[in-house]
Amino acid sequence: MNVNVGVALVSISAISFAFLPIFTRVAYEAGADPLGVLVIRFAAASAIMALLVLPRRLPLPGRRTLVFLFLMGGVGYVGQSFLYFTALTMAPVAQITLLLYLYPAIVTILAVVLWKERVTPPGIIALVAALAGMVLVVGIEGGGHPLGALAGLGAAATYSGYIMVGSRVVPRGGALQASWMIMSSAALVFAVISLVQGVNLPTTAAGWGAVSGIAAISTVLAIVTFLAGLERIGPTRSATVSALEPVVTVALAALLLGETLTPARLSGGALILLAVVVLSRKAPAAGKKTVPRKKEEIS
């Protein structure tokens, strides 16, 4: 049951993150730039999380855990966001998305090498199906500046590290408290950068509605549910289930922006859904293990 809950939470997270490029496009059309979107995103998200955490009088994480959470937000999330948005300015969206979604494979390799996780055949099948499905959904698109591809790979590597650290830190801090600290530290860093560099904010009601959606749906809901799911099913499964995100993004683009759903994309979506079903079946939840070097079974 805990596994099913974890898979469901990460699935909700993936769907919430999938709205991000749709909201972002609206915000850009309203005059915002990437830094402006990121500043509002994390500042508003931090405020929302404060309203969720403080009235409940939830205990704050200990000092050591706080340090790791602030690093996850101020370094991990800021780095991933900066690299991802920078990559999108230099290379096609499909190419960058494809590079970013190498992170399930990176997370799996790191978990095996660093923590001696044992990946069972069903787990391997699910990972391969998710990666293959993601390629079909996104497509392979060349072009763009080589630095864009490098930034996309950097975003994948940074997010992989974020997930690995989070799988050990979040259980000690609590999903809500950890989310608040991560968003607050990211907001602080982006605020400092914006004071130095300056930002362009949205100039229309639609633009502000879009950044509000980014903060509430694609940040608060997405991060809280991801961390809660990560705590239950561990980094490898969480990363693989997150491959749902490009499927939902493509579906939203077809529904809202008139983009085409090809047979290849539909087949890719089916493969990713198959991977999620496989991961929701049996085996202990890896995320409940909190001691490094402990053997864990992922299936």
Protein backbone atom coordinates (compact mmCIF):
# COMPACT_ATOMS: atom_id res chain seq x y z
CA MET A 1 0.00 0.00 0.00
CA ASN A 2 2.82 2.38 0.85
CA VAL A 3 4.31 1.72 -2.59
CA ASN A 4 1.02 2.53 -4.32
CA VAL A 5 0.70 5.76 -2.34
CA GLY A 6 4.26 6.72 -3.23
CA VAL A 7 3.73 6.04 -6.94
CA ALA A 8 0.47 8.03 -6.84
CA LEU A 9 2.16 10.99 -5.16
CA VAL A 10 5.04 11.09 -7.67
CA SER A 11 2.50 10.76 -10.50
CA ILE A 12 0.62 13.80 -9.19
CA SER A 13 3.96 15.61 -9.01
CA ALA A 14 4.78 14.73 -12.61
CA ILE A 15 1.38 15.96 -13.81
CA SER A 16 1.84 19.21 -11.86
CA PHE A 17 5.32 19.76 -13.29
CA ALA A 18 3.93 19.06 -16.77
CA PHE A 19 1.99 22.34 -16.66
CA LEU A 20 5.22 24.32 -16.21
CA PRO A 21 6.14 24.85 -19.89
CA ILE A 22 2.53 25.76 -20.72
CA PHE A 23 2.37 28.37 -17.96
CA THR A 24 5.88 29.57 -18.84
CA ARG A 25 4.99 30.19 -22.47
CA VAL A 26 2.07 32.40 -21.40
CA ALA A 27 4.30 34.29 -18.95
CA TYR A 28 6.96 34.89 -21.62
CA GLU A 29 4.33 36.15 -24.06
CA ALA A 30 3.26 38.60 -21.33
CA GLY A 31 6.74 40.12 -21.21
CA ALA A 32 8.40 38.15 -18.43
CA ASP A 33 11.93 36.80 -18.73
CA PRO A 34 13.26 33.55 -17.19
CA LEU A 35 14.69 35.22 -14.09
CA GLY A 36 11.48 37.15 -13.51
CA VAL A 37 9.46 33.93 -13.68
CA LEU A 38 11.85 32.12 -11.33
CA VAL A 39 11.86 34.94 -8.74
CA ILE A 40 8.07 35.04 -8.58
CA ARG A 41 7.82 31.27 -8.72
CA PHE A 42 9.87 30.58 -5.61
CA ALA A 43 8.95 33.69 -3.62
CA ALA A 44 5.22 32.98 -4.00
CA ALA A 45 5.74 29.26 -3.41
CA SER A 46 7.66 29.97 -0.20
CA ALA A 47 4.83 32.20 1.04
CA ILE A 48 2.22 29.53 0.25
CA MET A 49 4.27 26.90 2.09
CA ALA A 50 4.56 29.17 5.14
CA LEU A 51 0.76 29.31 5.28
CA LEU A 52 0.65 25.51 5.17
CA VAL A 53 3.39 24.85 7.73
CA LEU A 54 3.16 27.57 10.39
CA PRO A 55 -0.53 27.18 11.42
CA ARG A 56 0.08 23.45 11.99
CA ARG A 57 3.04 24.20 14.25
CA LEU A 58 5.06 21.49 12.56
CA PRO A 59 8.54 21.03 14.05
CA LEU A 60 11.33 22.47 11.95
CA PRO A 61 14.16 20.15 10.87
CA GLY A 62 17.35 20.01 12.93
CA ARG A 63 20.33 22.22 12.12
CA ARG A 64 22.20 19.60 10.09
CA THR A 65 19.10 18.70 8.08
CA LEU A 66 18.38 22.41 7.51
CA VAL A 67 21.82 22.87 5.99
CA PHE A 68 21.20 20.07 3.49
CA LEU A 69 17.71 21.38 2.66
CA PHE A 70 19.04 24.88 2.00
CA LEU A 71 21.73 23.40 -0.24
CA MET A 72 19.07 21.38 -2.08
CA GLY A 73 17.13 24.57 -2.79
CA GLY A 74 19.83 27.22 -3.06
CA VAL A 75 22.26 25.09 -5.04
CA GLY A 76 20.39 22.07 -6.43
CA TYR A 77 17.10 23.61 -7.50
CA VAL A 78 18.59 26.96 -8.45
CA GLY A 79 21.29 25.23 -10.51
CA GLN A 80 18.86 22.90 -12.24
CA SER A 81 16.40 25.71 -13.01
CA PHE A 82 19.11 28.04 -14.30
CA LEU A 83 20.66 25.38 -16.54
CA TYR A 84 17.27 24.23 -17.86
CA PHE A 85 15.96 27.71 -18.70
CA THR A 86 19.32 28.66 -20.21
CA ALA A 87 19.33 25.52 -22.34
CA LEU A 88 15.86 26.37 -23.67
CA THR A 89 17.20 29.65 -25.07
CA MET A 90 19.92 27.87 -27.08
CA ALA A 91 18.44 24.56 -28.29
CA PRO A 92 15.05 23.08 -29.31
CA VAL A 93 12.63 22.26 -26.50
CA ALA A 94 12.37 18.59 -27.54
CA GLN A 95 16.14 18.16 -27.47
CA ILE A 96 16.50 19.72 -24.03
CA THR A 97 13.59 17.71 -22.64
CA LEU A 98 15.19 14.53 -23.97
CA LEU A 99 18.49 15.39 -22.31
CA LEU A 100 16.82 16.35 -19.01
CA TYR A 101 14.99 13.04 -18.86
CA LEU A 102 18.21 11.12 -18.83
CA TYR A 103 18.06 11.67 -15.07
CA PRO A 104 16.15 8.43 -14.24
CA ALA A 105 19.07 6.46 -15.67
CA ILE A 106 21.60 8.69 -13.86
CA VAL A 107 19.73 8.26 -10.56
CA THR A 108 19.64 4.49 -10.99
CA ILE A 109 23.38 4.32 -11.67
CA LEU A 110 24.15 6.55 -8.68
CA ALA A 111 21.90 4.50 -6.38
CA VAL A 112 23.61 1.26 -7.42
CA VAL A 113 27.15 2.66 -7.19
CA LEU A 114 26.82 4.78 -4.05
CA TRP A 115 24.21 2.94 -1.99
CA LYS A 116 24.43 -0.58 -3.41
CA GLU A 117 20.77 -0.66 -4.34
CA ARG A 118 19.84 -3.91 -6.08
CA VAL A 119 17.73 -3.31 -9.17
CA THR A 120 15.55 -6.31 -10.01
CA PRO A 121 14.58 -7.33 -13.58
CA PRO A 122 11.13 -5.67 -13.31
CA GLY A 123 12.84 -2.46 -12.20
CA ILE A 124 15.22 -2.57 -15.17
CA ILE A 125 12.35 -3.28 -17.56
CA ALA A 126 10.40 -0.34 -16.15
CA LEU A 127 13.39 2.00 -16.49
CA VAL A 128 14.10 0.95 -20.09
CA ALA A 129 10.40 1.24 -21.00
CA ALA A 130 10.20 4.70 -19.47
CA LEU A 131 13.31 5.94 -21.28
CA ALA A 132 12.19 4.45 -24.61
CA GLY A 133 8.73 5.89 -24.17
CA MET A 134 10.16 9.29 -23.36
CA VAL A 135 12.24 9.26 -26.57
CA LEU A 136 9.11 8.43 -28.58
CA VAL A 137 7.06 11.12 -26.84
CA VAL A 138 9.63 13.89 -27.16
CA GLY A 139 11.32 12.80 -30.39
CA ILE A 140 14.95 13.20 -31.35
CA GLU A 141 15.64 16.69 -32.60
CA GLY A 142 19.00 18.12 -33.49
CA GLY A 143 20.12 21.67 -34.00
CA GLY A 144 20.81 24.39 -31.53
CA HIS A 145 24.04 25.53 -29.92
CA PRO A 146 26.28 22.82 -28.40
CA LEU A 147 26.28 24.79 -25.14
CA GLY A 148 22.51 24.28 -25.01
CA ALA A 149 22.96 20.51 -25.06
CA LEU A 150 25.67 20.80 -22.41
CA ALA A 151 23.37 22.88 -20.20
CA GLY A 152 20.60 20.30 -20.68
CA LEU A 153 22.93 17.52 -19.55
CA GLY A 154 24.00 19.68 -16.62
CA ALA A 155 20.35 20.12 -15.62
CA ALA A 156 19.85 16.35 -15.67
CA ALA A 157 22.95 15.73 -13.57
CA THR A 158 22.04 18.46 -11.07
CA TYR A 159 18.49 17.15 -10.66
CA SER A 160 19.82 13.64 -10.18
CA GLY A 161 21.97 14.85 -7.29
CA TYR A 162 18.97 16.71 -5.85
CA ILE A 163 16.91 13.52 -5.86
CA MET A 164 19.68 11.42 -4.32
CA VAL A 165 20.26 13.87 -1.47
CA GLY A 166 16.53 14.38 -0.97
CA SER A 167 15.87 10.66 -0.58
CA ARG A 168 18.07 10.70 2.54
CA VAL A 169 17.30 14.17 3.92
CA VAL A 170 13.51 14.50 3.49
CA PRO A 171 12.58 11.59 5.84
CA ARG A 172 14.44 13.42 8.62
CA GLY A 173 12.79 16.78 7.96
CA GLY A 174 9.23 15.97 6.86
CA ALA A 175 7.87 16.58 3.36
CA LEU A 176 6.06 19.86 4.13
CA GLN A 177 8.87 21.39 6.19
CA ALA A 178 11.51 20.23 3.72
CA SER A 179 9.55 21.70 0.80
CA TRP A 180 9.27 25.05 2.59
CA MET A 181 12.99 25.22 3.30
CA ILE A 182 13.92 24.22 -0.26
CA MET A 183 11.61 26.80 -1.83
CA SER A 184 12.69 29.52 0.60
CA SER A 185 16.38 29.02 -0.09
CA ALA A 186 15.77 29.02 -3.86
CA ALA A 187 13.70 32.20 -3.51
CA LEU A 188 16.49 33.87 -1.54
CA VAL A 189 19.14 33.05 -4.12
CA PHE A 190 17.01 34.16 -7.08
CA ALA A 191 16.08 37.38 -5.24
CA VAL A 192 19.76 38.24 -4.77
CA ILE A 193 20.49 37.50 -8.44
CA SER A 194 17.54 39.65 -9.53
CA LEU A 195 18.77 42.61 -7.48
CA VAL A 196 22.08 42.45 -9.32
CA GLN A 197 20.84 41.65 -12.81
CA GLY A 198 17.30 43.04 -12.88
CA VAL A 199 14.19 41.24 -14.13
CA ASN A 200 11.25 41.62 -16.49
CA LEU A 201 7.88 40.79 -14.92
CA PRO A 202 4.58 39.99 -16.69
CA THR A 203 2.60 42.97 -17.94
CA THR A 204 -0.84 41.33 -18.36
CA ALA A 205 -3.39 39.62 -16.13
CA ALA A 206 -2.89 36.39 -18.08
CA GLY A 207 0.84 36.57 -17.43
CA TRP A 208 0.35 37.00 -13.69
CA GLY A 209 -2.18 34.19 -13.71
CA ALA A 210 0.39 31.99 -15.41
CA VAL A 211 3.13 32.70 -12.85
CA SER A 212 0.58 32.12 -10.09
CA GLY A 213 -0.08 28.71 -11.63
CA ILE A 214 3.65 28.06 -11.79
CA ALA A 215 3.97 28.84 -8.07
CA ALA A 216 0.89 26.98 -6.79
CA ILE A 217 0.69 23.99 -9.15
CA SER A 218 4.09 23.49 -10.76
CA THR A 219 6.06 24.32 -7.62
CA VAL A 220 4.14 23.87 -4.33
CA LEU A 221 1.96 20.93 -5.35
CA ALA A 222 4.66 19.41 -7.56
CA ILE A 223 7.51 19.58 -5.03
CA VAL A 224 5.48 18.57 -1.95
CA THR A 225 4.01 15.50 -3.63
CA PHE A 226 7.35 14.54 -5.16
CA LEU A 227 9.20 14.70 -1.83
CA ALA A 228 6.38 12.82 -0.07
CA GLY A 229 6.52 10.12 -2.74
CA LEU A 230 10.32 10.07 -2.72
CA GLU A 231 10.22 9.34 1.00
CA ARG A 232 8.06 6.26 0.34
CA ILE A 233 9.50 4.68 -2.80
CA GLY A 234 13.08 5.93 -3.04
CA PRO A 235 15.05 7.72 -5.75
CA THR A 236 15.11 5.13 -8.55
CA ARG A 237 11.39 4.53 -8.66
CA SER A 238 10.58 8.21 -8.17
CA ALA A 239 12.78 9.23 -11.09
CA THR A 240 11.25 6.58 -13.35
CA VAL A 241 7.63 7.47 -12.49
CA SER A 242 8.49 11.12 -13.19
CA ALA A 243 8.79 10.18 -16.86
CA LEU A 244 5.02 10.75 -16.89
CA GLU A 245 5.76 14.48 -17.05
CA PRO A 246 6.64 14.77 -20.77
CA VAL A 247 3.63 12.57 -21.63
CA VAL A 248 1.27 14.97 -19.89
CA THR A 249 3.09 18.00 -21.33
CA VAL A 250 2.67 16.68 -24.87
CA ALA A 251 -1.02 15.94 -24.20
CA LEU A 252 -1.56 19.45 -22.81
CA ALA A 253 0.24 20.97 -25.79
CA ALA A 254 -2.06 19.05 -28.12
CA LEU A 255 -5.15 20.06 -26.15
CA LEU A 256 -4.30 23.70 -25.46
CA LEU A 257 -1.81 24.66 -28.16
CA GLY A 258 -3.01 22.55 -31.09
CA GLU A 259 0.14 20.41 -31.37
CA THR A 260 -0.16 17.00 -33.05
CA LEU A 261 -0.37 13.67 -31.22
CA THR A 262 1.44 11.23 -33.51
CA PRO A 263 1.30 7.41 -33.28
CA ALA A 264 4.90 7.46 -31.99
CA ARG A 265 3.96 9.79 -29.15
CA LEU A 266 0.93 7.68 -28.25
CA SER A 267 3.11 4.55 -28.24
CA GLY A 268 5.68 6.29 -26.05
CA GLY A 269 2.99 7.33 -23.60
CA ALA A 270 1.78 3.74 -23.39
CA LEU A 271 5.32 2.53 -22.60
CA ILE A 272 5.70 5.06 -19.79
CA LEU A 273 2.33 4.13 -18.31
CA LEU A 274 3.41 0.49 -18.45
CA ALA A 275 6.54 1.39 -16.48
CA VAL A 276 4.44 3.12 -13.82
CA VAL A 277 2.18 0.07 -13.49
CA VAL A 278 5.21 -2.21 -13.10
CA LEU A 279 6.70 0.03 -10.42
CA SER A 280 3.43 0.13 -8.45
CA ARG A 281 3.49 -3.64 -7.94
CA LYS A 282 5.01 -5.35 -4.89
CA ALA A 283 8.52 -4.95 -3.43
CA PRO A 284 9.43 -2.88 -0.36
CA ALA A 285 9.55 0.88 -0.55
CA ALA A 286 13.15 1.89 -0.99
CA GLY A 287 12.60 5.36 0.39
CA LYS A 288 12.02 4.05 3.94
CA LYS A 289 15.66 3.10 4.17
CA THR A 290 17.65 6.03 5.43
CA VAL A 291 21.08 4.58 6.10
CA PRO A 292 23.60 4.75 3.23
CA ARG A 293 25.19 1.50 2.09
CA LYS A 294 22.07 -0.43 3.05
CA LYS A 295 21.06 -2.86 0.34
CA GLU A 296 17.65 -2.02 -1.09
CA GLU A 297 15.57 -3.82 -3.66
CA ILE A 298 13.86 -1.82 -6.35
CA SER A 299 11.30 -3.43 -8.60
